[in-house]
Every structure is written in C-alpha cells, then in structure tokens.
C-alpha cells in the first residue's frame, strides 16, 4: 500500500517498506515507468533501512504535473522536497538508470542534502549514451537486435499502457547481460503492476532522455557516493560509471561482473551486499 505526499507543486506517490532505520529514497528508471521496476528485489534491505519507493512526477500513481516541469532538474529537486515533506532530517538516495541521473543531479545541485547517494547504472553526461548505437549494432542475435530497434522507434508514438508494456518486454533482452537469460520472464513477473506514463515517454523520447550533463561538476559532490554498474551494460556503460567514481571525491565503485543494466536482478546478492555495506559505513 502506498500514499501520496504533497510537495511544492504536486503530489508524489510513495510505497514504504521497513522500519525506523535510515530512510533510503529509491528512484526508478524510465522515464515513464514507476517503482514497480524494482519489484521485490530490494526488499531484503528493509530489515535494516526504511525503504521509500518513489513514483516520479507525472509517473506511476503520482499526480499529473505541468509538462514544463518534466525536467531532470525539477525531478532532482523533488527528491529533497519529498524528504523534507516526509520529515526526514537525514536520508540516503538510490537511483537506477534514469533515476540515477536524478539522484546524481541532486548530489551536484544540493551537495550534502542527502547523507549518501547511490548511483546505479547511470551516466554523468549524455555523451556516454552514444555507445548505445554501437552496442546495438553489435547486439546478437539479429532477430532480437531488430526487435529492440523497432521498439525504440515506437517510443515516440506510444499511447497506451499496453503499448508501454510491450516496449519494455521487447527491450529487456538488450538490458540483460545474456539476452536469452531465463530470468527475464521472472523479472517481468516480479515487476508486474507498473502504471506507465506514455505521455512522459513520448516527451523524453524526443528530448535526449533529460539531457544529463554534470560530468564537469562531479567534484562539487560532498556526500559519500556509491557507484554501481554492470560490466555488460549496453546502455549505461562501465566507462560512464568509472567517470562518475573518478569525478566524485572518495566515491566507491562496484562493478558487477556478470550483469547488464539490471544488476539488482542479475546479481542480487552482490548488489544488495554492496548497498548494505555502503549504507552501514555512512557516518
């Protein structure tokens, strides 16, 4: 069960798990998806931390917000406002994929606002996303390459929940280290229930997915930072994670050697272990 929390100009939907430990605000990827993207993969952390799964503005069950506010900077500001509205004096963030862009943007714009930041499968600059084209060209088997290519082209015209579900289904092989990983159907079962936002998808599909550009400002980040990336991630490549870790003073880098884009599903034990150890070390 979730609830809505009012921030300055909208209401965000959150789902909470766990007790009185350090709050961990968890920001999903996409854009246009919601907190279901994490399924129950992070739930073991609820024995020690207060997990807060966030539906970003105009996504999931969060209230609609004006299209002019659908920006990376505004969504990063939402994180701090949400923490304040929920009464958290001290909290950590974990963002995955597009959510990683969001928490990284917050860390740059509001250094030290979060007690710690976890960047999971992210990039510090859109220039790192240029690797996607080459990775798609080399993607095998050819039938899946064509499937993924067609699905990306359809994003700009998506209108319904069913179309968004089909897009994610068609793209998942590209995001797993093994495109025929037998755990992909399990991932779909465990992340079922997502409320897609096709209007948000269409918007970002033509807007460079938010235009993340903070690589030259990473030195401004002051809080402890953990960077997680998959060795075989074809979207947010290892070089991007290495650039983030190199740019943030004292950042820790963990490369999941058997993972693609979804390390929390592909190497769940290693992923959770790294997150738990990092959060336990936060002063």
Protein backbone atom coordinates (compact mmCIF):
# COMPACT_ATOMS: atom_id res chain seq x y z
CA UNK A 1 0.00 0.00 0.00
CA UNK A 2 1.24 3.47 -0.84
CA UNK A 3 0.33 7.06 -0.09
CA UNK A 4 0.63 10.49 -1.63
CA UNK A 5 2.97 13.13 -0.23
CA UNK A 6 2.47 16.78 -1.12
CA UNK A 7 5.50 18.78 -2.26
CA UNK A 8 5.60 22.34 -3.56
CA UNK A 9 3.63 21.93 -6.78
CA UNK A 10 2.34 18.34 -6.96
CA UNK A 11 1.90 15.11 -5.01
CA UNK A 12 4.27 12.18 -5.29
CA UNK A 13 3.18 8.61 -4.66
CA UNK A 14 5.43 6.57 -2.37
CA UNK A 15 5.47 3.00 -1.11
CA UNK A 16 7.29 2.38 2.16
CA UNK A 17 8.82 -0.82 3.49
CA UNK A 18 10.85 -1.43 6.62
CA UNK A 19 11.03 0.25 9.98
CA UNK A 20 12.92 3.02 11.69
CA UNK A 21 16.32 2.70 10.03
CA UNK A 22 18.00 5.25 7.78
CA UNK A 23 15.45 6.30 5.12
CA UNK A 24 16.52 5.29 1.61
CA UNK A 25 14.64 7.16 -1.14
CA UNK A 26 14.59 4.86 -4.17
CA UNK A 27 14.08 6.44 -7.59
CA UNK A 28 13.06 4.33 -10.57
CA UNK A 29 14.28 4.38 -14.14
CA UNK A 30 12.44 5.07 -17.34
CA UNK A 31 11.34 7.75 -17.78
CA UNK A 32 7.63 6.84 -17.79
CA UNK A 33 7.84 3.79 -15.53
CA UNK A 34 7.27 3.61 -11.76
CA UNK A 35 8.51 1.99 -8.55
CA UNK A 36 7.39 -1.47 -9.69
CA UNK A 37 10.59 -1.56 -11.76
CA UNK A 38 12.36 -2.68 -8.56
CA UNK A 39 9.83 -5.44 -7.84
CA UNK A 40 10.77 -7.07 -4.55
CA UNK A 41 14.47 -7.24 -5.37
CA UNK A 42 15.49 -4.61 -2.79
CA UNK A 43 13.10 -5.75 -0.05
CA UNK A 44 15.75 -7.64 1.98
CA UNK A 45 17.24 -4.24 2.84
CA UNK A 46 14.04 -3.39 4.73
CA UNK A 47 15.30 -5.37 7.73
CA UNK A 48 17.74 -2.53 8.42
CA UNK A 49 16.64 0.51 6.43
CA UNK A 50 13.40 2.42 5.79
CA UNK A 51 12.82 1.91 2.06
CA UNK A 52 10.81 4.63 0.29
CA UNK A 53 9.98 3.74 -3.32
CA UNK A 54 9.11 6.93 -5.21
CA UNK A 55 6.96 7.39 -8.31
CA UNK A 56 8.46 10.42 -10.01
CA UNK A 57 6.29 13.36 -11.01
CA UNK A 58 3.55 12.53 -13.52
CA UNK A 59 4.56 8.87 -13.41
CA UNK A 60 3.06 5.84 -11.73
CA UNK A 61 0.38 6.94 -9.28
CA UNK A 62 1.89 10.39 -8.68
CA UNK A 63 -0.35 13.31 -9.61
CA UNK A 64 -0.10 14.86 -13.08
CA UNK A 65 2.18 17.89 -13.22
CA UNK A 66 2.65 20.51 -15.98
CA UNK A 67 4.77 19.30 -18.87
CA UNK A 68 7.16 22.22 -18.44
CA UNK A 69 8.17 20.69 -15.10
CA UNK A 70 9.19 17.38 -16.66
CA UNK A 71 12.89 18.15 -16.37
CA UNK A 72 15.80 16.42 -14.78
CA UNK A 73 16.50 19.45 -12.60
CA UNK A 74 12.91 19.59 -11.30
CA UNK A 75 12.81 15.87 -10.58
CA UNK A 76 16.10 16.16 -8.70
CA UNK A 77 14.64 18.97 -6.60
CA UNK A 78 11.61 16.78 -5.92
CA UNK A 79 13.80 14.32 -4.02
CA UNK A 80 14.87 16.87 -1.43
CA UNK A 81 11.37 18.31 -1.15
CA UNK A 82 9.92 14.84 -0.65
CA UNK A 83 12.39 14.03 2.11
CA UNK A 84 11.54 17.29 3.86
CA UNK A 85 7.80 16.71 3.49
CA UNK A 86 8.18 13.24 4.99
CA UNK A 87 10.09 14.67 7.95
CA UNK A 88 13.46 13.07 7.18
CA UNK A 89 16.30 15.09 8.67
CA UNK A 90 18.75 12.52 7.36
CA UNK A 91 18.30 10.21 4.39
CA UNK A 92 20.12 8.45 1.56
CA UNK A 93 19.14 8.10 -2.09
CA UNK A 94 19.37 5.27 -4.60
CA UNK A 95 18.57 5.95 -8.22
CA UNK A 96 18.66 3.41 -11.03
CA UNK A 97 19.06 4.22 -14.74
CA UNK A 98 17.13 7.48 -15.31
CA UNK A 99 16.66 7.56 -11.55
CA UNK A 100 20.46 7.54 -11.29
CA UNK A 101 20.51 10.70 -13.41
CA UNK A 102 18.05 12.24 -10.95
CA UNK A 103 19.95 11.46 -7.73
CA UNK A 104 23.26 12.42 -9.34
CA UNK A 105 21.75 15.75 -10.41
CA UNK A 106 20.56 16.31 -6.84
CA UNK A 107 24.01 15.48 -5.46
CA UNK A 108 25.55 18.11 -7.74
CA UNK A 109 22.88 20.77 -7.25
CA UNK A 110 22.46 20.27 -3.50
CA UNK A 111 25.74 18.87 -2.14
CA UNK A 112 25.30 17.15 1.19
CA UNK A 113 21.50 17.40 1.16
CA UNK A 114 21.43 13.59 1.21
CA UNK A 115 23.60 11.78 3.74
CA UNK A 116 24.67 9.39 0.98
CA UNK A 117 23.96 8.79 -2.71
CA UNK A 118 23.88 5.52 -4.64
CA UNK A 119 24.15 5.80 -8.42
CA UNK A 120 23.00 2.54 -10.02
CA UNK A 121 23.56 2.13 -13.78
CA UNK A 122 23.88 5.83 -14.52
CA UNK A 123 25.88 8.26 -16.63
CA UNK A 124 27.24 11.74 -15.85
CA UNK A 125 26.81 13.07 -19.38
CA UNK A 126 24.72 12.27 -22.43
CA UNK A 127 27.95 11.75 -24.37
CA UNK A 128 28.28 8.33 -22.75
CA UNK A 129 24.95 7.28 -24.27
CA UNK A 130 26.50 7.44 -27.73
CA UNK A 131 27.85 3.97 -27.02
CA UNK A 132 24.32 2.60 -27.26
CA UNK A 133 24.27 2.83 -31.05
CA UNK A 134 27.46 0.79 -31.43
CA UNK A 135 26.31 -1.72 -28.84
CA UNK A 136 23.01 -2.17 -30.65
CA UNK A 137 24.79 -2.67 -33.97
CA UNK A 138 26.82 -5.48 -32.40
CA UNK A 139 23.90 -6.99 -30.48
CA UNK A 140 23.17 -10.63 -31.20
CA UNK A 141 21.09 -12.49 -32.17
CA UNK A 142 19.96 -10.43 -35.14
CA UNK A 143 16.27 -11.12 -34.51
CA UNK A 144 16.50 -9.54 -31.06
CA UNK A 145 18.52 -6.65 -32.45
CA UNK A 146 15.71 -5.91 -34.88
CA UNK A 147 13.14 -6.28 -32.10
CA UNK A 148 14.93 -3.73 -29.91
CA UNK A 149 15.45 -1.33 -32.82
CA UNK A 150 11.75 -1.39 -33.71
CA UNK A 151 10.74 -0.90 -30.08
CA UNK A 152 12.86 2.25 -29.70
CA UNK A 153 11.29 3.68 -32.84
CA UNK A 154 7.82 3.07 -31.39
CA UNK A 155 8.51 5.05 -28.19
CA UNK A 156 7.71 8.38 -29.83
CA UNK A 157 4.20 7.16 -30.69
CA UNK A 158 3.25 5.19 -27.56
CA UNK A 159 -0.27 5.97 -26.38
CA UNK A 160 -1.44 3.21 -24.04
CA UNK A 161 -0.41 1.11 -21.07
CA UNK A 162 -0.36 -1.96 -23.28
CA UNK A 163 2.00 -0.33 -25.76
CA UNK A 164 4.38 0.70 -22.97
CA UNK A 165 4.31 -2.82 -21.53
CA UNK A 166 5.15 -4.23 -24.95
CA UNK A 167 8.05 -1.79 -25.37
CA UNK A 168 9.64 -2.82 -22.09
CA UNK A 169 9.14 -6.50 -22.92
CA UNK A 170 10.83 -6.08 -26.29
CA UNK A 171 13.77 -4.12 -24.84
CA UNK A 172 14.61 -6.31 -21.84
CA UNK A 173 16.93 -8.69 -23.77
CA UNK A 174 19.17 -5.73 -24.61
CA UNK A 175 19.40 -4.81 -20.93
CA UNK A 176 20.42 -8.21 -19.57
CA UNK A 177 23.98 -9.46 -19.97
CA UNK A 178 22.59 -12.63 -21.55
CA UNK A 179 19.84 -11.60 -23.98
CA UNK A 180 18.27 -15.02 -23.58
CA UNK A 181 18.61 -15.05 -19.79
CA UNK A 182 15.94 -17.43 -18.44
CA UNK A 183 15.42 -14.97 -15.56
CA UNK A 184 13.90 -12.34 -17.87
CA UNK A 185 10.37 -13.81 -17.56
CA UNK A 186 10.90 -13.95 -13.78
CA UNK A 187 11.89 -10.27 -13.83
CA UNK A 188 8.69 -9.44 -15.68
CA UNK A 189 6.61 -11.34 -13.14
CA UNK A 190 8.31 -9.71 -10.16
CA UNK A 191 7.96 -6.19 -11.60
CA UNK A 192 4.36 -6.57 -12.77
CA UNK A 193 1.79 -3.91 -11.92
CA UNK A 194 3.59 -0.92 -13.38
CA UNK A 195 1.48 2.14 -14.21
CA UNK A 196 3.11 3.53 -17.34
CA UNK A 197 3.00 7.17 -18.46
CA UNK A 198 3.03 7.15 -22.28
CA UNK A 199 2.84 10.94 -22.48
CA UNK A 200 6.02 11.19 -20.40
CA UNK A 201 7.67 8.55 -22.56
CA UNK A 202 6.85 10.41 -25.77
CA UNK A 203 8.16 13.64 -24.26
CA UNK A 204 11.53 12.23 -23.20
CA UNK A 205 11.97 10.06 -26.29
CA UNK A 206 12.34 13.30 -28.23
CA UNK A 207 14.26 15.19 -25.54
CA UNK A 208 17.51 13.18 -25.20
CA UNK A 209 16.05 11.48 -22.09
CA UNK A 210 16.59 14.52 -19.93
CA UNK A 211 19.97 15.67 -21.15
CA UNK A 212 22.12 14.74 -18.15
CA UNK A 213 25.22 16.99 -18.13
CA UNK A 214 27.04 17.10 -14.78
CA UNK A 215 30.36 15.46 -15.59
CA UNK A 216 32.31 18.71 -15.17
CA UNK A 217 30.65 19.33 -11.78
CA UNK A 218 31.16 15.98 -10.08
CA UNK A 219 33.85 17.48 -7.86
CA UNK A 220 31.13 19.52 -6.13
CA UNK A 221 29.52 16.39 -4.64
CA UNK A 222 30.30 16.17 -0.93
CA UNK A 223 28.33 13.19 0.41
CA UNK A 224 29.60 9.58 0.36
CA UNK A 225 28.74 8.08 -3.01
CA UNK A 226 28.48 4.51 -4.24
CA UNK A 227 28.54 3.85 -7.98
CA UNK A 228 27.16 0.50 -9.17
CA UNK A 229 27.44 -0.65 -12.77
CA UNK A 230 27.22 -3.85 -14.76
CA UNK A 231 30.22 -4.99 -16.75
CA UNK A 232 27.95 -5.87 -19.69
CA UNK A 233 25.59 -2.88 -19.52
CA UNK A 234 24.97 -1.82 -23.12
CA UNK A 235 23.18 1.41 -22.19
CA UNK A 236 24.92 2.95 -19.17
CA UNK A 237 28.35 1.56 -19.96
CA UNK A 238 31.12 0.81 -17.48
CA UNK A 239 33.14 3.80 -18.69
CA UNK A 240 30.32 6.07 -17.53
CA UNK A 241 30.33 4.55 -14.04
CA UNK A 242 34.11 4.85 -13.90
CA UNK A 243 33.86 8.52 -14.89
CA UNK A 244 31.36 9.19 -12.09
CA UNK A 245 33.51 7.45 -9.49
CA UNK A 246 36.65 9.23 -10.68
CA UNK A 247 34.98 12.62 -10.60
CA UNK A 248 33.41 12.46 -7.13
CA UNK A 249 35.92 12.74 -4.28
CA UNK A 250 36.11 9.49 -2.33
CA UNK A 251 33.41 7.72 -4.36
CA UNK A 252 33.31 3.93 -4.25
CA UNK A 253 32.92 1.97 -7.49
CA UNK A 254 31.47 -1.55 -7.62
CA UNK A 255 31.38 -3.33 -10.98
CA UNK A 256 29.05 -6.32 -11.15
CA UNK A 257 30.96 -8.62 -13.45
CA UNK A 258 28.05 -10.80 -14.59
CA UNK A 259 25.44 -8.07 -15.02
CA UNK A 260 23.99 -5.88 -17.70
CA UNK A 261 21.70 -2.98 -16.87
CA UNK A 262 19.73 -4.68 -14.10
CA UNK A 263 22.36 -5.67 -11.58
CA UNK A 264 19.85 -5.84 -8.74
CA UNK A 265 18.13 -8.69 -10.59
CA UNK A 266 21.10 -10.31 -12.33
CA UNK A 267 23.43 -10.38 -9.28
CA UNK A 268 21.02 -9.68 -6.48
CA UNK A 269 23.22 -10.91 -3.63
CA UNK A 270 26.26 -8.91 -4.71
CA UNK A 271 24.15 -5.82 -5.38
CA UNK A 272 22.39 -5.90 -2.01
CA UNK A 273 25.64 -6.68 -0.23
CA UNK A 274 27.35 -3.64 -1.74
CA UNK A 275 24.42 -1.36 -0.89
CA UNK A 276 24.16 -2.66 2.68
CA UNK A 277 27.90 -2.34 3.39
CA UNK A 278 27.96 1.16 1.95
CA UNK A 279 24.98 2.41 3.93
CA UNK A 280 26.33 0.85 7.11
CA UNK A 281 29.55 2.83 6.60
CA UNK A 282 27.83 6.20 6.24
CA UNK A 283 28.86 8.40 9.21
